[in-house]
Amino acid sequence: MASRKAATKSKAAAKRTQRGSSNVFSMFEQSQIQEFKEAFSCIDQDRDGIIKKSDLKETYAQLGKLNLNDDELEEMLKEGKGPINFTVFLTLFGEKLNGTDPEDIILNAFKLFDPNGTGAVNKDEFKRLLMTQADKFTAEEVEQAFSVAPIDVAGNIDYKSLCYIITHGDEKEES
C-alpha cells in the first residue's frame, strides 16, 4: 500500500513538472520554438545541452566581443537560477518578451510626467513624448496604447488605472 501511494505521488509530481515546463512551449508558435532551438544550439558550443560560462564566452568571442569579464557572464547565468537547458532558455525568453515591469516601477515612471501629483497626464503631451523620445512610437502604436487607456473628457490619462491594466490585463479584452 505504501509503495502504491509513493507511485501515485511521483506520478502526480511528474505531471506537475511536465505541466510547468510545457506551459513555456505554449507561449510560442512552433516556428518560434525552432528559431530559439537554433539560437540555443549556436550558444551551446560544446553541444552538451547546457549553456555554461565557457559557452557564453566562446559565443561572445565569435561575435567579436572579447572584453567580457567573468562577473558579467556569471550574472547572465544567474538569471537561469540553475543549469540553463533549452526549457530554461525558452522560459527566460518568454519572461523577457512577455513580462512587464512591476506596477510600482511603471507608476514611478508616470509620476515623472505628473509633477503636481494629480494621478493623470495630458493625453496630447504624453502622445508627443511617446512619438519623439527614446523608443519612438508610431502614431498607430500610440492609438493602440490609448485604446485601453482610461482618458477623461478633459483629455487626461488616469495613469494609476492604466498601470493596473498594463500589469493585470484589461477586463474588457478578456470578456
C-alpha atoms as a PDB file:
ATOM      1  CA  MET A   1       0.000   0.000   0.000  1.00  0.00           C
ATOM      2  CA  ALA A   2       2.796   2.438   0.886  1.00  0.00           C
ATOM      3  CA  SER A   3       4.580   1.827  -2.421  1.00  0.00           C
ATOM      4  CA  ARG A   4       1.322   2.429  -4.297  1.00  0.00           C
ATOM      5  CA  LYS A   5       0.913   5.819  -2.574  1.00  0.00           C
ATOM      6  CA  ALA A   6       4.521   6.685  -3.396  1.00  0.00           C
ATOM      7  CA  ALA A   7       3.973   5.732  -7.048  1.00  0.00           C
ATOM      8  CA  THR A   8       0.829   7.873  -7.204  1.00  0.00           C
ATOM      9  CA  LYS A   9       2.673  10.787  -5.596  1.00  0.00           C
ATOM     10  CA  SER A  10       5.598  10.511  -8.002  1.00  0.00           C
ATOM     11  CA  LYS A  11       3.217  10.339 -11.000  1.00  0.00           C
ATOM     12  CA  ALA A  12       1.481  13.498  -9.765  1.00  0.00           C
ATOM     13  CA  ALA A  13       4.826  15.231  -9.251  1.00  0.00           C
ATOM     14  CA  ALA A  14       5.936  14.213 -12.741  1.00  0.00           C
ATOM     15  CA  LYS A  15       2.692  15.593 -14.206  1.00  0.00           C
ATOM     16  CA  ARG A  16       3.175  18.905 -12.360  1.00  0.00           C
ATOM     17  CA  THR A  17       6.746  19.114 -13.633  1.00  0.00           C
ATOM     18  CA  GLN A  18       5.630  18.303 -17.165  1.00  0.00           C
ATOM     19  CA  ARG A  19       2.778  20.816 -16.969  1.00  0.00           C
ATOM     20  CA  GLY A  20       5.093  23.509 -15.606  1.00  0.00           C
ATOM     21  CA  SER A  21       7.648  23.059 -18.341  1.00  0.00           C
ATOM     22  CA  SER A  22       5.123  22.544 -21.138  1.00  0.00           C
ATOM     23  CA  ASN A  23       3.485  25.909 -20.404  1.00  0.00           C
ATOM     24  CA  VAL A  24       6.516  27.709 -21.764  1.00  0.00           C
ATOM     25  CA  PHE A  25       6.122  25.872 -25.070  1.00  0.00           C
ATOM     26  CA  SER A  26       2.527  27.066 -25.389  1.00  0.00           C
ATOM     27  CA  MET A  27       3.725  30.696 -25.243  1.00  0.00           C
ATOM     28  CA  PHE A  28       5.339  30.447 -28.691  1.00  0.00           C
ATOM     29  CA  GLU A  29       4.474  29.328 -32.203  1.00  0.00           C
ATOM     30  CA  GLN A  30       6.227  26.175 -33.388  1.00  0.00           C
ATOM     31  CA  SER A  31       8.345  28.216 -35.832  1.00  0.00           C
ATOM     32  CA  GLN A  32       9.495  30.487 -32.980  1.00  0.00           C
ATOM     33  CA  ILE A  33      10.447  27.488 -30.858  1.00  0.00           C
ATOM     34  CA  GLN A  34      12.502  26.182 -33.770  1.00  0.00           C
ATOM     35  CA  GLU A  35      14.311  29.528 -34.053  1.00  0.00           C
ATOM     36  CA  PHE A  36      15.041  29.513 -30.313  1.00  0.00           C
ATOM     37  CA  LYS A  37      16.306  25.935 -30.650  1.00  0.00           C
ATOM     38  CA  GLU A  38      18.715  27.065 -33.379  1.00  0.00           C
ATOM     39  CA  ALA A  39      19.880  30.007 -31.244  1.00  0.00           C
ATOM     40  CA  PHE A  40      20.340  27.692 -28.258  1.00  0.00           C
ATOM     41  CA  SER A  41      22.417  25.316 -30.423  1.00  0.00           C
ATOM     42  CA  CYS A  42      24.631  28.202 -31.556  1.00  0.00           C
ATOM     43  CA  ILE A  43      25.286  29.256 -27.957  1.00  0.00           C
ATOM     44  CA  ASP A  44      25.722  25.715 -26.593  1.00  0.00           C
ATOM     45  CA  GLN A  45      29.229  25.468 -28.072  1.00  0.00           C
ATOM     46  CA  ASP A  46      30.120  22.069 -26.597  1.00  0.00           C
ATOM     47  CA  ARG A  47      26.715  20.571 -27.520  1.00  0.00           C
ATOM     48  CA  ASP A  48      26.046  19.124 -24.065  1.00  0.00           C
ATOM     49  CA  GLY A  49      22.535  20.615 -23.767  1.00  0.00           C
ATOM     50  CA  ILE A  50      23.516  23.135 -21.058  1.00  0.00           C
ATOM     51  CA  ILE A  51      24.700  26.720 -21.579  1.00  0.00           C
ATOM     52  CA  LYS A  52      27.725  27.353 -19.365  1.00  0.00           C
ATOM     53  CA  LYS A  53      30.156  30.223 -18.883  1.00  0.00           C
ATOM     54  CA  SER A  54      32.567  28.734 -21.428  1.00  0.00           C
ATOM     55  CA  ASP A  55      29.727  28.557 -23.998  1.00  0.00           C
ATOM     56  CA  LEU A  56      28.850  32.217 -23.450  1.00  0.00           C
ATOM     57  CA  LYS A  57      32.493  33.281 -23.598  1.00  0.00           C
ATOM     58  CA  GLU A  58      33.019  31.456 -26.904  1.00  0.00           C
ATOM     59  CA  THR A  59      29.781  32.823 -28.382  1.00  0.00           C
ATOM     60  CA  TYR A  60      30.712  36.396 -27.489  1.00  0.00           C
ATOM     61  CA  ALA A  61      34.225  35.847 -28.881  1.00  0.00           C
ATOM     62  CA  GLN A  62      32.717  34.704 -32.182  1.00  0.00           C
ATOM     63  CA  LEU A  63      30.679  37.904 -32.232  1.00  0.00           C
ATOM     64  CA  GLY A  64      33.843  39.958 -31.684  1.00  0.00           C
ATOM     65  CA  LYS A  65      33.252  40.854 -28.055  1.00  0.00           C
ATOM     66  CA  LEU A  66      36.393  39.703 -26.274  1.00  0.00           C
ATOM     67  CA  ASN A  67      36.460  42.008 -23.238  1.00  0.00           C
ATOM     68  CA  LEU A  68      33.633  40.359 -21.269  1.00  0.00           C
ATOM     69  CA  ASN A  69      34.654  39.567 -17.711  1.00  0.00           C
ATOM     70  CA  ASP A  70      33.639  36.515 -15.693  1.00  0.00           C
ATOM     71  CA  ASP A  71      31.360  38.540 -13.395  1.00  0.00           C
ATOM     72  CA  GLU A  72      29.227  39.656 -16.351  1.00  0.00           C
ATOM     73  CA  LEU A  73      28.956  36.080 -17.582  1.00  0.00           C
ATOM     74  CA  GLU A  74      28.054  34.831 -14.090  1.00  0.00           C
ATOM     75  CA  GLU A  75      25.280  37.460 -13.865  1.00  0.00           C
ATOM     76  CA  MET A  76      23.846  36.219 -17.155  1.00  0.00           C
ATOM     77  CA  LEU A  77      23.886  32.622 -15.964  1.00  0.00           C
ATOM     78  CA  LYS A  78      22.256  33.533 -12.627  1.00  0.00           C
ATOM     79  CA  GLU A  79      19.103  34.538 -14.495  1.00  0.00           C
ATOM     80  CA  GLY A  80      18.513  30.852 -15.161  1.00  0.00           C
ATOM     81  CA  LYS A  81      18.504  30.024 -11.422  1.00  0.00           C
ATOM     82  CA  GLY A  82      20.300  26.768 -12.188  1.00  0.00           C
ATOM     83  CA  PRO A  83      21.602  24.958 -15.264  1.00  0.00           C
ATOM     84  CA  ILE A  84      20.330  26.565 -18.485  1.00  0.00           C
ATOM     85  CA  ASN A  85      18.925  23.797 -20.643  1.00  0.00           C
ATOM     86  CA  PHE A  86      16.620  24.510 -23.600  1.00  0.00           C
ATOM     87  CA  THR A  87      13.446  24.704 -21.478  1.00  0.00           C
ATOM     88  CA  VAL A  88      15.056  27.205 -19.095  1.00  0.00           C
ATOM     89  CA  PHE A  89      16.423  29.149 -22.093  1.00  0.00           C
ATOM     90  CA  LEU A  90      12.926  29.331 -23.603  1.00  0.00           C
ATOM     91  CA  THR A  91      11.429  30.335 -20.246  1.00  0.00           C
ATOM     92  CA  LEU A  92      13.923  33.194 -19.895  1.00  0.00           C
ATOM     93  CA  PHE A  93      12.978  34.492 -23.334  1.00  0.00           C
ATOM     94  CA  GLY A  94       9.294  34.097 -22.529  1.00  0.00           C
ATOM     95  CA  GLU A  95       9.704  36.182 -19.399  1.00  0.00           C
ATOM     96  CA  LYS A  96      11.698  38.843 -21.254  1.00  0.00           C
ATOM     97  CA  LEU A  97       9.326  39.030 -24.210  1.00  0.00           C
ATOM     98  CA  ASN A  98       6.029  38.780 -22.344  1.00  0.00           C
ATOM     99  CA  GLY A  99       6.896  40.269 -18.990  1.00  0.00           C
ATOM    100  CA  THR A 100       6.202  43.757 -17.753  1.00  0.00           C
ATOM    101  CA  ASP A 101       7.779  45.837 -15.059  1.00  0.00           C
ATOM    102  CA  PRO A 102       6.187  45.709 -11.601  1.00  0.00           C
ATOM    103  CA  GLU A 103       3.301  48.137 -11.101  1.00  0.00           C
ATOM    104  CA  ASP A 104       5.263  50.428  -8.737  1.00  0.00           C
ATOM    105  CA  ILE A 105       8.045  50.874 -11.332  1.00  0.00           C
ATOM    106  CA  ILE A 106       5.515  51.879 -14.000  1.00  0.00           C
ATOM    107  CA  LEU A 107       3.732  54.231 -11.582  1.00  0.00           C
ATOM    108  CA  ASN A 108       7.010  55.931 -10.692  1.00  0.00           C
ATOM    109  CA  ALA A 109       7.751  56.452 -14.382  1.00  0.00           C
ATOM    110  CA  PHE A 110       4.365  58.120 -14.906  1.00  0.00           C
ATOM    111  CA  LYS A 111       4.870  60.297 -11.812  1.00  0.00           C
ATOM    112  CA  LEU A 112       7.779  61.959 -13.618  1.00  0.00           C
ATOM    113  CA  PHE A 113       5.181  63.424 -16.004  1.00  0.00           C
ATOM    114  CA  ASP A 114       2.849  64.425 -13.149  1.00  0.00           C
ATOM    115  CA  PRO A 115       4.756  66.973 -11.023  1.00  0.00           C
ATOM    116  CA  ASN A 116       1.550  68.104  -9.264  1.00  0.00           C
ATOM    117  CA  GLY A 117       0.638  64.555  -8.203  1.00  0.00           C
ATOM    118  CA  THR A 118      -2.829  64.617  -9.789  1.00  0.00           C
ATOM    119  CA  GLY A 119      -2.726  60.963 -10.894  1.00  0.00           C
ATOM    120  CA  ALA A 120      -3.226  61.992 -14.516  1.00  0.00           C
ATOM    121  CA  VAL A 121      -1.132  63.028 -17.503  1.00  0.00           C
ATOM    122  CA  ASN A 122      -2.313  65.028 -20.512  1.00  0.00           C
ATOM    123  CA  LYS A 123      -3.020  62.713 -23.455  1.00  0.00           C
ATOM    124  CA  ASP A 124      -1.699  65.101 -26.131  1.00  0.00           C
ATOM    125  CA  GLU A 125       1.513  65.884 -24.240  1.00  0.00           C
ATOM    126  CA  PHE A 126       2.065  62.196 -23.489  1.00  0.00           C
ATOM    127  CA  LYS A 127       1.463  61.330 -27.164  1.00  0.00           C
ATOM    128  CA  ARG A 128       4.066  63.932 -28.193  1.00  0.00           C
ATOM    129  CA  LEU A 129       6.589  62.423 -25.764  1.00  0.00           C
ATOM    130  CA  LEU A 130       5.911  58.858 -26.913  1.00  0.00           C
ATOM    131  CA  MET A 131       6.476  59.833 -30.529  1.00  0.00           C
ATOM    132  CA  THR A 132       9.621  61.935 -30.006  1.00  0.00           C
ATOM    133  CA  GLN A 133      11.614  60.361 -27.151  1.00  0.00           C
ATOM    134  CA  ALA A 134      13.698  57.160 -26.731  1.00  0.00           C
ATOM    135  CA  ASP A 135      11.995  54.195 -28.467  1.00  0.00           C
ATOM    136  CA  LYS A 136       9.742  56.388 -30.598  1.00  0.00           C
ATOM    137  CA  PHE A 137       6.188  55.135 -31.022  1.00  0.00           C
ATOM    138  CA  THR A 138       4.399  55.405 -34.370  1.00  0.00           C
ATOM    139  CA  ALA A 139       1.002  57.125 -34.459  1.00  0.00           C
ATOM    140  CA  GLU A 140      -0.580  53.680 -34.844  1.00  0.00           C
ATOM    141  CA  GLU A 141       1.223  52.334 -31.742  1.00  0.00           C
ATOM    142  CA  VAL A 142       0.114  55.378 -29.719  1.00  0.00           C
ATOM    143  CA  GLU A 143      -3.511  54.898 -30.785  1.00  0.00           C
ATOM    144  CA  GLN A 144      -3.290  51.216 -29.907  1.00  0.00           C
ATOM    145  CA  ALA A 145      -1.927  52.079 -26.449  1.00  0.00           C
ATOM    146  CA  PHE A 146      -4.569  54.755 -25.927  1.00  0.00           C
ATOM    147  CA  SER A 147      -7.372  52.356 -26.917  1.00  0.00           C
ATOM    148  CA  VAL A 148      -7.146  50.731 -23.474  1.00  0.00           C
ATOM    149  CA  ALA A 149      -6.132  53.860 -21.554  1.00  0.00           C
ATOM    150  CA  PRO A 150      -8.712  55.445 -19.256  1.00  0.00           C
ATOM    151  CA  ILE A 151      -8.980  59.004 -20.660  1.00  0.00           C
ATOM    152  CA  ASP A 152     -11.349  61.556 -19.144  1.00  0.00           C
ATOM    153  CA  VAL A 153     -13.365  64.226 -21.029  1.00  0.00           C
ATOM    154  CA  ALA A 154     -10.580  66.792 -20.447  1.00  0.00           C
ATOM    155  CA  GLY A 155      -8.103  64.547 -22.310  1.00  0.00           C
ATOM    156  CA  ASN A 156      -6.181  63.309 -19.270  1.00  0.00           C
ATOM    157  CA  ILE A 157      -4.996  59.738 -18.828  1.00  0.00           C
ATOM    158  CA  ASP A 158      -5.640  58.182 -15.407  1.00  0.00           C
ATOM    159  CA  TYR A 159      -2.215  56.573 -15.208  1.00  0.00           C
ATOM    160  CA  LYS A 160      -2.897  54.671 -11.986  1.00  0.00           C
ATOM    161  CA  SER A 161      -5.708  52.787 -13.719  1.00  0.00           C
ATOM    162  CA  LEU A 162      -3.560  52.393 -16.823  1.00  0.00           C
ATOM    163  CA  CYS A 163      -0.770  50.847 -14.725  1.00  0.00           C
ATOM    164  CA  TYR A 164      -3.261  48.349 -13.355  1.00  0.00           C
ATOM    165  CA  ILE A 165      -4.371  47.464 -16.904  1.00  0.00           C
ATOM    166  CA  ILE A 166      -0.743  47.062 -18.031  1.00  0.00           C
ATOM    167  CA  THR A 167       0.167  44.738 -15.168  1.00  0.00           C
ATOM    168  CA  HIS A 168      -3.104  42.835 -14.694  1.00  0.00           C
ATOM    169  CA  GLY A 169      -4.765  42.966 -18.106  1.00  0.00           C
ATOM    170  CA  ASP A 170      -7.810  44.766 -19.395  1.00  0.00           C
ATOM    171  CA  GLU A 171     -11.113  43.335 -18.211  1.00  0.00           C
ATOM    172  CA  LYS A 172     -12.770  44.434 -21.481  1.00  0.00           C
ATOM    173  CA  GLU A 173     -10.237  42.395 -23.516  1.00  0.00           C
ATOM    174  CA  GLU A 174     -10.800  39.234 -21.511  1.00  0.00           C
ATOM    175  CA  SER A 175     -14.596  39.117 -21.770  1.00  0.00           C
END
